[in-house]
Amino acid sequence: MSHKGYRKGGSHGGRRDYPSPRPYDDGYNNMGNGRDPYRSDPYDTAPAAGRRASSGIILVVMMVGIVVWSLLAWVGYSLADPLLAWLGAAVLGVAEGGRGLAVAVGGQPAGAAMDMVNAGGLAAQAMALLQLLVKPAIVLIWLLGIVALLALPFLLPLARRLASRFR
């Protein structure tokens, strides 16, 4: 039985079923086709330094994106309370104005109907619910954006490969 290409002994307890490692290919001895057969993509002929440079650019874009995204989320979070207070005053003003218009046009029965519907109370409850949900929603959207930006170094090469398939 020939053991050519297999290790004899070593850290695996003497078993002979592990093939020996391939010799290191320095880029000059790669079967004459100009490709390194041990790369993850054998058709990628770009030098390794070019791939590192593009990953550095991706990291810089990712970091700048995180800073800008966090700044936008902070501004939105800071402005949420004043904007909701302004919107609440406007909505309650419109509801009260609608009641006054109903009394002016339809008389006291229309005003009584508007009081029974309690449009002002319904608008106030809707605004309270909105105030309860807006800030957690801003934080959740910020978090999803950060996750997307952190996944950018993994998603861009995948997108490049998919785009190159459709060319």
N, C-alpha and C. Protein backbone atom coordinates (compact mmCIF):
# COMPACT_ATOMS: atom_id res chain seq x y z
N MET A 1 0.84 -1.17 0.00
CA MET A 1 0.00 0.00 0.00
C MET A 1 0.89 1.24 0.00
N SER A 2 0.61 2.15 -0.90
CA SER A 2 1.41 3.35 -1.02
C SER A 2 0.84 4.44 -0.12
N HIS A 3 1.73 5.14 0.55
CA HIS A 3 1.30 6.23 1.42
C HIS A 3 1.72 7.57 0.85
N LYS A 4 1.89 7.61 -0.44
CA LYS A 4 2.35 8.84 -1.06
C LYS A 4 1.29 9.94 -0.90
N GLY A 5 1.70 11.08 -0.41
CA GLY A 5 0.79 12.20 -0.23
C GLY A 5 0.09 12.21 1.11
N TYR A 6 0.38 11.24 1.96
CA TYR A 6 -0.26 11.19 3.26
C TYR A 6 0.80 11.31 4.35
N ARG A 7 0.40 11.88 5.46
CA ARG A 7 1.32 12.03 6.58
C ARG A 7 1.52 10.69 7.27
N LYS A 8 2.67 10.54 7.85
CA LYS A 8 2.94 9.34 8.64
C LYS A 8 3.21 9.79 10.06
N GLY A 9 2.25 9.58 10.95
CA GLY A 9 2.44 9.98 12.33
C GLY A 9 2.11 11.45 12.51
N GLY A 10 2.44 11.99 13.67
CA GLY A 10 2.19 13.40 13.91
C GLY A 10 1.15 13.59 14.98
N SER A 11 0.54 14.77 15.02
CA SER A 11 -0.39 15.10 16.09
C SER A 11 -1.71 14.37 15.99
N HIS A 12 -1.94 13.70 14.88
CA HIS A 12 -3.22 13.00 14.74
C HIS A 12 -3.12 11.53 15.14
N GLY A 13 -2.07 11.16 15.86
CA GLY A 13 -1.99 9.83 16.45
C GLY A 13 -1.54 8.76 15.50
N GLY A 14 -0.88 9.11 14.43
CA GLY A 14 -0.36 8.09 13.54
C GLY A 14 -1.34 7.64 12.48
N ARG A 15 -2.52 8.21 12.44
CA ARG A 15 -3.47 7.82 11.40
C ARG A 15 -2.97 8.30 10.05
N ARG A 16 -3.22 7.54 9.03
CA ARG A 16 -2.68 7.87 7.72
C ARG A 16 -3.77 8.32 6.75
N ASP A 17 -4.91 8.73 7.28
CA ASP A 17 -6.00 9.11 6.38
C ASP A 17 -6.12 10.61 6.18
N TYR A 18 -5.14 11.38 6.67
CA TYR A 18 -5.15 12.83 6.44
C TYR A 18 -4.21 13.13 5.28
N PRO A 19 -4.69 13.79 4.24
CA PRO A 19 -3.76 14.11 3.16
C PRO A 19 -2.77 15.17 3.63
N SER A 20 -1.59 15.13 3.05
CA SER A 20 -0.59 16.12 3.43
C SER A 20 -1.04 17.49 2.91
N PRO A 21 -0.59 18.54 3.58
CA PRO A 21 -1.02 19.87 3.13
C PRO A 21 -0.46 20.18 1.75
N ARG A 22 -1.21 20.99 1.02
CA ARG A 22 -0.72 21.39 -0.30
C ARG A 22 0.48 22.30 -0.14
N PRO A 23 1.39 22.25 -1.07
CA PRO A 23 2.54 23.15 -0.96
C PRO A 23 2.08 24.60 -1.12
N TYR A 24 2.80 25.49 -0.46
CA TYR A 24 2.46 26.90 -0.53
C TYR A 24 2.67 27.40 -1.95
N ASP A 25 1.67 28.06 -2.49
CA ASP A 25 1.77 28.61 -3.83
C ASP A 25 2.08 30.09 -3.71
N ASP A 26 3.24 30.48 -4.20
CA ASP A 26 3.66 31.87 -4.07
C ASP A 26 3.19 32.73 -5.23
N GLY A 27 2.37 32.23 -6.11
CA GLY A 27 1.87 33.02 -7.22
C GLY A 27 2.66 32.79 -8.50
N TYR A 28 3.81 32.16 -8.40
CA TYR A 28 4.61 31.90 -9.60
C TYR A 28 4.40 30.48 -10.11
N ASN A 29 4.11 29.58 -9.20
CA ASN A 29 3.94 28.19 -9.59
C ASN A 29 2.47 27.81 -9.41
N ASN A 30 1.62 28.32 -10.28
CA ASN A 30 0.19 28.04 -10.12
C ASN A 30 -0.39 27.51 -11.41
N MET A 31 0.22 26.48 -11.94
CA MET A 31 -0.24 25.75 -13.10
C MET A 31 -0.28 26.61 -14.36
N GLY A 32 0.43 27.72 -14.36
CA GLY A 32 0.60 28.50 -15.57
C GLY A 32 -0.59 29.31 -16.03
N ASN A 33 -1.66 29.38 -15.23
CA ASN A 33 -2.83 30.13 -15.69
C ASN A 33 -2.96 31.49 -15.03
N GLY A 34 -2.02 31.88 -14.20
CA GLY A 34 -2.06 33.19 -13.57
C GLY A 34 -3.03 33.29 -12.42
N ARG A 35 -3.57 32.18 -11.97
CA ARG A 35 -4.55 32.19 -10.88
C ARG A 35 -4.01 31.41 -9.70
N ASP A 36 -4.34 31.84 -8.52
CA ASP A 36 -3.93 31.15 -7.31
C ASP A 36 -5.03 30.15 -6.95
N PRO A 37 -4.79 28.85 -7.06
CA PRO A 37 -5.86 27.87 -6.83
C PRO A 37 -6.31 27.77 -5.38
N TYR A 38 -5.59 28.41 -4.43
CA TYR A 38 -5.95 28.28 -3.03
C TYR A 38 -6.75 29.47 -2.52
N ARG A 39 -7.08 30.41 -3.37
CA ARG A 39 -7.94 31.52 -2.96
C ARG A 39 -9.37 31.03 -2.89
N SER A 40 -10.19 31.77 -2.15
CA SER A 40 -11.59 31.36 -2.03
C SER A 40 -12.32 31.49 -3.37
N ASP A 41 -11.92 32.46 -4.19
CA ASP A 41 -12.50 32.62 -5.51
C ASP A 41 -11.36 32.43 -6.52
N PRO A 42 -11.26 31.26 -7.17
CA PRO A 42 -10.12 31.01 -8.05
C PRO A 42 -10.09 31.91 -9.27
N TYR A 43 -11.17 32.57 -9.60
CA TYR A 43 -11.20 33.45 -10.77
C TYR A 43 -10.87 34.89 -10.41
N ASP A 44 -10.62 35.15 -9.14
CA ASP A 44 -10.25 36.48 -8.69
C ASP A 44 -8.75 36.63 -8.87
N THR A 45 -8.34 37.45 -9.83
CA THR A 45 -6.92 37.63 -10.09
C THR A 45 -6.39 38.92 -9.49
N ALA A 46 -7.23 39.65 -8.73
CA ALA A 46 -6.77 40.88 -8.09
C ALA A 46 -5.78 40.53 -7.00
N PRO A 47 -4.75 41.34 -6.84
CA PRO A 47 -3.79 41.05 -5.77
C PRO A 47 -4.43 41.21 -4.41
N ALA A 48 -3.87 40.52 -3.45
CA ALA A 48 -4.43 40.56 -2.10
C ALA A 48 -4.40 41.97 -1.52
N ALA A 49 -3.39 42.77 -1.86
CA ALA A 49 -3.31 44.13 -1.34
C ALA A 49 -4.48 44.97 -1.81
N GLY A 50 -4.96 44.76 -3.02
CA GLY A 50 -6.11 45.50 -3.53
C GLY A 50 -7.37 45.15 -2.75
N ARG A 51 -7.49 43.91 -2.38
CA ARG A 51 -8.66 43.52 -1.58
C ARG A 51 -8.59 44.14 -0.20
N ARG A 52 -7.40 44.23 0.37
CA ARG A 52 -7.27 44.85 1.68
C ARG A 52 -7.57 46.33 1.62
N ALA A 53 -7.14 46.98 0.55
CA ALA A 53 -7.39 48.42 0.41
C ALA A 53 -8.89 48.68 0.29
N SER A 54 -9.60 47.85 -0.47
CA SER A 54 -11.04 48.08 -0.61
C SER A 54 -11.75 47.78 0.71
N SER A 55 -11.26 46.83 1.47
CA SER A 55 -11.90 46.58 2.76
C SER A 55 -11.63 47.73 3.73
N GLY A 56 -10.48 48.39 3.60
CA GLY A 56 -10.21 49.57 4.41
C GLY A 56 -11.15 50.71 4.08
N ILE A 57 -11.43 50.87 2.79
CA ILE A 57 -12.38 51.90 2.37
C ILE A 57 -13.76 51.58 2.91
N ILE A 58 -14.13 50.32 2.87
CA ILE A 58 -15.44 49.91 3.38
C ILE A 58 -15.53 50.20 4.88
N LEU A 59 -14.45 49.96 5.61
CA LEU A 59 -14.47 50.24 7.05
C LEU A 59 -14.59 51.73 7.34
N VAL A 60 -13.93 52.56 6.55
CA VAL A 60 -14.04 54.01 6.74
C VAL A 60 -15.46 54.47 6.44
N VAL A 61 -16.03 53.97 5.34
CA VAL A 61 -17.42 54.32 5.00
C VAL A 61 -18.36 53.86 6.10
N MET A 62 -18.11 52.68 6.62
CA MET A 62 -18.95 52.15 7.69
C MET A 62 -18.88 53.02 8.93
N MET A 63 -17.70 53.44 9.33
CA MET A 63 -17.54 54.26 10.53
C MET A 63 -18.18 55.64 10.34
N VAL A 64 -17.97 56.25 9.18
CA VAL A 64 -18.59 57.55 8.90
C VAL A 64 -20.12 57.39 8.88
N GLY A 65 -20.59 56.30 8.31
CA GLY A 65 -22.03 56.04 8.29
C GLY A 65 -22.60 55.88 9.69
N ILE A 66 -21.88 55.21 10.57
CA ILE A 66 -22.35 55.04 11.95
C ILE A 66 -22.43 56.38 12.65
N VAL A 67 -21.43 57.24 12.44
CA VAL A 67 -21.44 58.56 13.09
C VAL A 67 -22.60 59.40 12.57
N VAL A 68 -22.78 59.42 11.24
CA VAL A 68 -23.86 60.23 10.66
C VAL A 68 -25.22 59.68 11.08
N TRP A 69 -25.38 58.36 11.05
CA TRP A 69 -26.65 57.74 11.43
C TRP A 69 -26.98 58.01 12.90
N SER A 70 -25.98 57.93 13.76
CA SER A 70 -26.19 58.21 15.18
C SER A 70 -26.54 59.68 15.40
N LEU A 71 -25.91 60.57 14.66
CA LEU A 71 -26.23 61.99 14.77
C LEU A 71 -27.67 62.26 14.34
N LEU A 72 -28.09 61.66 13.25
CA LEU A 72 -29.48 61.83 12.80
C LEU A 72 -30.47 61.26 13.82
N ALA A 73 -30.15 60.11 14.39
CA ALA A 73 -31.04 59.53 15.40
C ALA A 73 -31.10 60.41 16.64
N TRP A 74 -29.97 60.97 17.04
CA TRP A 74 -29.94 61.86 18.21
C TRP A 74 -30.78 63.11 17.97
N VAL A 75 -30.67 63.69 16.77
CA VAL A 75 -31.46 64.88 16.44
C VAL A 75 -32.95 64.53 16.45
N GLY A 76 -33.31 63.40 15.86
CA GLY A 76 -34.71 62.98 15.85
C GLY A 76 -35.24 62.72 17.25
N TYR A 77 -34.42 62.09 18.08
CA TYR A 77 -34.82 61.80 19.46
C TYR A 77 -35.00 63.10 20.25
N SER A 78 -34.10 64.06 20.01
CA SER A 78 -34.17 65.34 20.72
C SER A 78 -35.37 66.17 20.30
N LEU A 79 -35.73 66.09 19.02
CA LEU A 79 -36.83 66.89 18.50
C LEU A 79 -38.19 66.21 18.64
N ALA A 80 -38.21 64.98 19.09
CA ALA A 80 -39.48 64.24 19.17
C ALA A 80 -40.46 64.92 20.13
N ASP A 81 -40.02 65.26 21.31
CA ASP A 81 -40.93 65.88 22.30
C ASP A 81 -41.47 67.23 21.84
N PRO A 82 -40.64 68.16 21.38
CA PRO A 82 -41.21 69.44 20.93
C PRO A 82 -42.15 69.29 19.74
N LEU A 83 -41.81 68.42 18.79
CA LEU A 83 -42.68 68.24 17.64
C LEU A 83 -44.02 67.60 18.04
N LEU A 84 -43.97 66.64 18.94
CA LEU A 84 -45.22 66.02 19.39
C LEU A 84 -46.06 66.99 20.21
N ALA A 85 -45.44 67.86 21.00
CA ALA A 85 -46.20 68.87 21.74
C ALA A 85 -46.88 69.84 20.78
N TRP A 86 -46.16 70.26 19.74
CA TRP A 86 -46.75 71.16 18.74
C TRP A 86 -47.89 70.46 18.01
N LEU A 87 -47.68 69.20 17.62
CA LEU A 87 -48.72 68.45 16.91
C LEU A 87 -49.93 68.23 17.80
N GLY A 88 -49.70 67.95 19.09
CA GLY A 88 -50.82 67.75 20.02
C GLY A 88 -51.65 69.01 20.17
N ALA A 89 -50.99 70.15 20.28
CA ALA A 89 -51.73 71.42 20.39
C ALA A 89 -52.53 71.68 19.12
N ALA A 90 -51.94 71.39 17.97
CA ALA A 90 -52.64 71.62 16.71
C ALA A 90 -53.84 70.69 16.58
N VAL A 91 -53.68 69.42 16.93
CA VAL A 91 -54.78 68.45 16.81
C VAL A 91 -55.91 68.80 17.77
N LEU A 92 -55.55 69.13 19.01
CA LEU A 92 -56.60 69.48 19.97
C LEU A 92 -57.30 70.78 19.57
N GLY A 93 -56.55 71.71 18.98
CA GLY A 93 -57.17 72.94 18.49
C GLY A 93 -58.14 72.68 17.35
N VAL A 94 -57.78 71.79 16.47
CA VAL A 94 -58.67 71.43 15.35
C VAL A 94 -59.91 70.72 15.88
N ALA A 95 -59.76 69.84 16.85
CA ALA A 95 -60.92 69.13 17.41
C ALA A 95 -61.87 70.12 18.09
N GLU A 96 -61.33 71.06 18.84
CA GLU A 96 -62.18 72.06 19.51
C GLU A 96 -62.83 73.00 18.49
N GLY A 97 -62.09 73.34 17.45
CA GLY A 97 -62.65 74.18 16.39
C GLY A 97 -63.76 73.45 15.64
N GLY A 98 -63.61 72.16 15.48
CA GLY A 98 -64.66 71.36 14.82
C GLY A 98 -65.92 71.32 15.66
N ARG A 99 -65.79 71.27 16.96
CA ARG A 99 -66.97 71.30 17.83
C ARG A 99 -67.67 72.65 17.72
N GLY A 100 -66.89 73.73 17.72
CA GLY A 100 -67.48 75.07 17.58
C GLY A 100 -68.18 75.24 16.25
N LEU A 101 -67.59 74.69 15.18
CA LEU A 101 -68.21 74.76 13.86
C LEU A 101 -69.51 73.96 13.83
N ALA A 102 -69.51 72.80 14.48
CA ALA A 102 -70.72 71.98 14.51
C ALA A 102 -71.83 72.70 15.25
N VAL A 103 -71.52 73.39 16.35
CA VAL A 103 -72.54 74.14 17.10
C VAL A 103 -73.05 75.31 16.25
N ALA A 104 -72.14 75.98 15.53
CA ALA A 104 -72.55 77.14 14.72
C ALA A 104 -73.43 76.72 13.56
N VAL A 105 -73.12 75.61 12.93
CA VAL A 105 -73.87 75.19 11.75
C VAL A 105 -75.09 74.35 12.13
N GLY A 106 -74.93 73.41 13.05
CA GLY A 106 -76.01 72.47 13.34
C GLY A 106 -76.79 72.78 14.60
N GLY A 107 -76.34 73.74 15.36
CA GLY A 107 -77.06 74.09 16.59
C GLY A 107 -76.60 73.23 17.75
N GLN A 108 -77.40 73.35 18.84
CA GLN A 108 -77.05 72.64 20.07
C GLN A 108 -77.09 71.12 19.91
N PRO A 109 -78.01 70.53 19.11
CA PRO A 109 -77.97 69.07 18.97
C PRO A 109 -76.65 68.57 18.35
N ALA A 110 -76.11 69.32 17.40
CA ALA A 110 -74.83 68.92 16.79
C ALA A 110 -73.70 69.04 17.81
N GLY A 111 -73.75 70.09 18.63
CA GLY A 111 -72.75 70.25 19.69
C GLY A 111 -72.82 69.13 20.71
N ALA A 112 -74.06 68.72 21.04
CA ALA A 112 -74.23 67.60 21.97
C ALA A 112 -73.69 66.30 21.37
N ALA A 113 -73.91 66.11 20.07
CA ALA A 113 -73.40 64.92 19.41
C ALA A 113 -71.87 64.92 19.41
N MET A 114 -71.28 66.08 19.19
CA MET A 114 -69.81 66.18 19.22
C MET A 114 -69.27 65.92 20.62
N ASP A 115 -70.00 66.37 21.62
CA ASP A 115 -69.57 66.10 23.00
C ASP A 115 -69.66 64.61 23.30
N MET A 116 -70.69 63.96 22.75
CA MET A 116 -70.87 62.54 22.99
C MET A 116 -69.74 61.73 22.31
N VAL A 117 -69.35 62.16 21.12
CA VAL A 117 -68.26 61.48 20.41
C VAL A 117 -66.93 61.71 21.13
N ASN A 118 -66.81 62.88 21.76
CA ASN A 118 -65.60 63.25 22.51
C ASN A 118 -64.37 63.20 21.61
N ALA A 119 -64.42 63.96 20.52
CA ALA A 119 -63.32 63.98 19.56
C ALA A 119 -62.04 64.51 20.20
N GLY A 120 -62.16 65.48 21.10
CA GLY A 120 -60.98 66.01 21.76
C GLY A 120 -60.29 64.98 22.63
N GLY A 121 -61.07 64.18 23.35
CA GLY A 121 -60.50 63.11 24.18
C GLY A 121 -59.87 62.02 23.35
N LEU A 122 -60.51 61.70 22.21
CA LEU A 122 -59.95 60.69 21.31
C LEU A 122 -58.62 61.17 20.71
N ALA A 123 -58.57 62.44 20.34
CA ALA A 123 -57.33 63.00 19.80
C ALA A 123 -56.24 63.04 20.87
N ALA A 124 -56.61 63.37 22.11
CA ALA A 124 -55.63 63.40 23.20
C ALA A 124 -55.08 61.99 23.48
N GLN A 125 -55.95 60.98 23.41
CA GLN A 125 -55.49 59.61 23.61
C GLN A 125 -54.57 59.16 22.48
N ALA A 126 -54.89 59.55 21.25
CA ALA A 126 -54.04 59.20 20.12
C ALA A 126 -52.67 59.87 20.26
N MET A 127 -52.66 61.11 20.70
CA MET A 127 -51.39 61.81 20.89
C MET A 127 -50.58 61.18 22.02
N ALA A 128 -51.24 60.75 23.08
CA ALA A 128 -50.53 60.09 24.19
C ALA A 128 -49.90 58.78 23.71
N LEU A 129 -50.63 58.03 22.90
CA LEU A 129 -50.10 56.79 22.35
C LEU A 129 -48.90 57.08 21.44
N LEU A 130 -49.02 58.11 20.63
CA LEU A 130 -47.93 58.49 19.74
C LEU A 130 -46.69 58.90 20.54
N GLN A 131 -46.90 59.67 21.61
CA GLN A 131 -45.77 60.06 22.45
C GLN A 131 -45.13 58.86 23.13
N LEU A 132 -45.92 57.85 23.43
CA LEU A 132 -45.40 56.65 24.06
C LEU A 132 -44.56 55.83 23.09
N LEU A 133 -44.91 55.83 21.80
CA LEU A 133 -44.27 54.95 20.84
C LEU A 133 -43.14 55.58 20.03
N VAL A 134 -43.09 56.90 19.92
CA VAL A 134 -42.14 57.53 19.02
C VAL A 134 -40.69 57.32 19.45
N LYS A 135 -40.36 57.58 20.69
CA LYS A 135 -38.96 57.47 21.12
C LYS A 135 -38.44 56.03 21.06
N PRO A 136 -39.19 55.03 21.52
CA PRO A 136 -38.69 53.65 21.33
C PRO A 136 -38.56 53.28 19.86
N ALA A 137 -39.45 53.81 19.01
CA ALA A 137 -39.34 53.52 17.58
C ALA A 137 -38.07 54.14 17.00
N ILE A 138 -37.72 55.34 17.44
CA ILE A 138 -36.48 55.98 16.97
C ILE A 138 -35.27 55.14 17.39
N VAL A 139 -35.26 54.65 18.61
CA VAL A 139 -34.14 53.83 19.08
C VAL A 139 -34.08 52.52 18.30
N LEU A 140 -35.22 51.90 18.03
CA LEU A 140 -35.24 50.65 17.28
C LEU A 140 -34.75 50.86 15.85
N ILE A 141 -35.19 51.93 15.20
CA ILE A 141 -34.74 52.22 13.84
C ILE A 141 -33.25 52.53 13.83
N TRP A 142 -32.76 53.23 14.85
CA TRP A 142 -31.32 53.50 14.95
C TRP A 142 -30.55 52.20 15.08
N LEU A 143 -31.04 51.29 15.93
CA LEU A 143 -30.36 50.02 16.13
C LEU A 143 -30.33 49.19 14.85
N LEU A 144 -31.43 49.15 14.11
CA LEU A 144 -31.47 48.41 12.85
C LEU A 144 -30.49 49.01 11.84
N GLY A 145 -30.39 50.33 11.83
CA GLY A 145 -29.43 50.98 10.93
C GLY A 145 -28.00 50.65 11.30
N ILE A 146 -27.70 50.62 12.58
CA ILE A 146 -26.34 50.28 13.03
C ILE A 146 -26.01 48.83 12.65
N VAL A 147 -26.96 47.94 12.81
CA VAL A 147 -26.73 46.53 12.43
C VAL A 147 -26.48 46.44 10.93
N ALA A 148 -27.24 47.18 10.14
CA ALA A 148 -27.04 47.17 8.69
C ALA A 148 -25.67 47.74 8.33
N LEU A 149 -25.25 48.79 8.99
CA LEU A 149 -23.93 49.36 8.72
C LEU A 149 -22.81 48.43 9.15
N LEU A 150 -23.00 47.71 10.24
CA LEU A 150 -21.98 46.76 10.67
C LEU A 150 -21.90 45.54 9.75
N ALA A 151 -23.00 45.22 9.09
CA ALA A 151 -23.01 44.11 8.14
C ALA A 151 -22.48 44.52 6.78
N LEU A 152 -22.22 45.79 6.58
CA LEU A 152 -21.77 46.31 5.29
C LEU A 152 -20.52 45.62 4.76
N PRO A 153 -19.48 45.37 5.56
CA PRO A 153 -18.30 44.69 5.01
C PRO A 153 -18.59 43.28 4.51
N PHE A 154 -19.64 42.67 5.00
CA PHE A 154 -19.99 41.33 4.55
C PHE A 154 -20.95 41.36 3.37
N LEU A 155 -21.79 42.40 3.31
CA LEU A 155 -22.80 42.48 2.27
C LEU A 155 -22.27 43.05 0.96
N LEU A 156 -21.30 43.97 1.00
CA LEU A 156 -20.80 44.57 -0.24
C LEU A 156 -20.09 43.56 -1.14
N PRO A 157 -19.19 42.72 -0.62
CA PRO A 157 -18.59 41.72 -1.52
C PRO A 157 -19.63 40.75 -2.08
N LEU A 158 -20.62 40.42 -1.29
CA LEU A 158 -21.69 39.56 -1.79
C LEU A 158 -22.46 40.25 -2.90
N ALA A 159 -22.74 41.54 -2.72
CA ALA A 159 -23.45 42.29 -3.75
C ALA A 159 -22.61 42.41 -5.01
N ARG A 160 -21.30 42.59 -4.86
CA ARG A 160 -20.42 42.65 -6.03
C ARG A 160 -20.45 41.34 -6.80
N ARG A 161 -20.38 40.22 -6.09
CA ARG A 161 -20.40 38.93 -6.76
C ARG A 161 -21.73 38.70 -7.47
N LEU A 162 -22.83 39.08 -6.80
CA LEU A 162 -24.13 38.91 -7.45
C LEU A 162 -24.26 39.81 -8.67
N ALA A 163 -23.75 41.03 -8.58
CA ALA A 163 -23.83 41.95 -9.72
C ALA A 163 -22.97 41.45 -10.87
N SER A 164 -21.82 40.86 -10.55
CA SER A 164 -20.95 40.37 -11.63
C SER A 164 -21.56 39.16 -12.33
N ARG A 165 -22.40 38.43 -11.66
CA ARG A 165 -23.06 37.28 -12.29
C ARG A 165 -24.07 37.71 -13.33
N PHE A 166 -24.66 38.90 -13.13
CA PHE A 166 -25.71 39.35 -14.04
C PHE A 166 -25.17 40.22 -15.17
N ARG A 167 -23.87 40.38 -15.26
CA ARG A 167 -23.29 41.18 -16.36
C ARG A 167 -23.12 40.37 -17.59
